[in-house]
Amino acid sequence: MFLVASAIVFAVFFANVALGAFASSAFLGDVGEMLVLFAATILFVIAILKKEADQKTKNQGS
């Protein structure tokens, strides 16, 4: 769930950068871009930590 959310938020960031580069019509400013990229990073880290915790729990049960 967090990994999908991270991908979606990163896609928004990428779309904004692409629109700014090719069409000169970015919909987010500098601070907005930073916050969106920060949110994507945090969601990705949460997803990886949850996956690691699940793997550790799975290995301890064996």
C-alpha atoms as a PDB file:
ATOM      1  CA  MET A   1       0.000   0.000   0.000  1.00  0.00           C
ATOM      2  CA  PHE A   2       2.747   2.477   0.957  1.00  0.00           C
ATOM      3  CA  LEU A   3       4.826   1.478  -2.066  1.00  0.00           C
ATOM      4  CA  VAL A   4       1.915   2.182  -4.419  1.00  0.00           C
ATOM      5  CA  ALA A   5       1.259   5.501  -2.693  1.00  0.00           C
ATOM      6  CA  SER A   6       4.935   6.381  -3.071  1.00  0.00           C
ATOM      7  CA  ALA A   7       4.834   5.578  -6.775  1.00  0.00           C
ATOM      8  CA  ILE A   8       1.734   7.719  -7.271  1.00  0.00           C
ATOM      9  CA  VAL A   9       3.204  10.693  -5.416  1.00  0.00           C
ATOM     10  CA  PHE A  10       6.463  10.339  -7.351  1.00  0.00           C
ATOM     11  CA  ALA A  11       4.478  10.228 -10.611  1.00  0.00           C
ATOM     12  CA  VAL A  12       2.912  13.566  -9.643  1.00  0.00           C
ATOM     13  CA  PHE A  13       6.400  14.959  -9.028  1.00  0.00           C
ATOM     14  CA  PHE A  14       7.654  13.600 -12.356  1.00  0.00           C
ATOM     15  CA  ALA A  15       4.643  14.992 -14.234  1.00  0.00           C
ATOM     16  CA  ASN A  16       5.257  18.407 -12.719  1.00  0.00           C
ATOM     17  CA  VAL A  17       8.940  18.356 -13.699  1.00  0.00           C
ATOM     18  CA  ALA A  18       8.145  17.131 -17.216  1.00  0.00           C
ATOM     19  CA  LEU A  19       5.471  19.779 -17.722  1.00  0.00           C
ATOM     20  CA  GLY A  20       7.835  22.443 -16.465  1.00  0.00           C
ATOM     21  CA  ALA A  21      10.630  21.303 -18.755  1.00  0.00           C
ATOM     22  CA  PHE A  22       8.682  20.728 -21.952  1.00  0.00           C
ATOM     23  CA  ALA A  23       5.553  22.892 -21.716  1.00  0.00           C
ATOM     24  CA  SER A  24       6.640  25.611 -19.266  1.00  0.00           C
ATOM     25  CA  SER A  25       3.462  25.040 -17.282  1.00  0.00           C
ATOM     26  CA  ALA A  26       4.468  23.385 -14.018  1.00  0.00           C
ATOM     27  CA  PHE A  27       1.599  23.291 -11.530  1.00  0.00           C
ATOM     28  CA  LEU A  28       3.783  23.202  -8.402  1.00  0.00           C
ATOM     29  CA  GLY A  29       6.314  25.737  -7.231  1.00  0.00           C
ATOM     30  CA  ASP A  30       9.698  25.017  -5.703  1.00  0.00           C
ATOM     31  CA  VAL A  31       8.326  24.406  -2.219  1.00  0.00           C
ATOM     32  CA  GLY A  32       5.497  22.243  -3.583  1.00  0.00           C
ATOM     33  CA  GLU A  33       7.970  20.132  -5.537  1.00  0.00           C
ATOM     34  CA  MET A  34      10.107  19.701  -2.437  1.00  0.00           C
ATOM     35  CA  LEU A  35       7.134  18.625  -0.322  1.00  0.00           C
ATOM     36  CA  VAL A  36       5.879  16.156  -2.936  1.00  0.00           C
ATOM     37  CA  LEU A  37       9.325  14.608  -3.333  1.00  0.00           C
ATOM     38  CA  PHE A  38       9.726  14.486   0.459  1.00  0.00           C
ATOM     39  CA  ALA A  39       6.348  12.732   0.788  1.00  0.00           C
ATOM     40  CA  ALA A  40       7.316  10.184  -1.883  1.00  0.00           C
ATOM     41  CA  THR A  41      10.587   9.510  -0.071  1.00  0.00           C
ATOM     42  CA  ILE A  42       8.916   9.086   3.321  1.00  0.00           C
ATOM     43  CA  LEU A  43       6.283   6.731   1.897  1.00  0.00           C
ATOM     44  CA  PHE A  44       8.991   4.687   0.169  1.00  0.00           C
ATOM     45  CA  VAL A  45      11.018   4.395   3.387  1.00  0.00           C
ATOM     46  CA  ILE A  46       7.919   3.311   5.316  1.00  0.00           C
ATOM     47  CA  ALA A  47       7.182   0.648   2.687  1.00  0.00           C
ATOM     48  CA  ILE A  48      10.728  -0.707   2.799  1.00  0.00           C
ATOM     49  CA  LEU A  49      10.831  -0.760   6.617  1.00  0.00           C
ATOM     50  CA  LYS A  50       7.472  -2.581   6.782  1.00  0.00           C
ATOM     51  CA  LYS A  51       8.684  -5.138   4.232  1.00  0.00           C
ATOM     52  CA  GLU A  52      11.880  -5.653   6.208  1.00  0.00           C
ATOM     53  CA  ALA A  53       9.945  -6.090   9.464  1.00  0.00           C
ATOM     54  CA  ASP A  54       7.619  -8.616   7.815  1.00  0.00           C
ATOM     55  CA  GLN A  55      10.598 -10.552   6.468  1.00  0.00           C
ATOM     56  CA  LYS A  56      12.262 -10.559   9.902  1.00  0.00           C
ATOM     57  CA  THR A  57       9.049 -11.822  11.525  1.00  0.00           C
ATOM     58  CA  LYS A  58       8.715 -14.496   8.866  1.00  0.00           C
ATOM     59  CA  ASN A  59      12.298 -15.683   9.406  1.00  0.00           C
ATOM     60  CA  GLN A  60      11.905 -15.827  13.197  1.00  0.00           C
ATOM     61  CA  GLY A  61       8.801 -17.987  12.888  1.00  0.00           C
ATOM     62  CA  SER A  62      10.649 -20.709  10.969  1.00  0.00           C
END
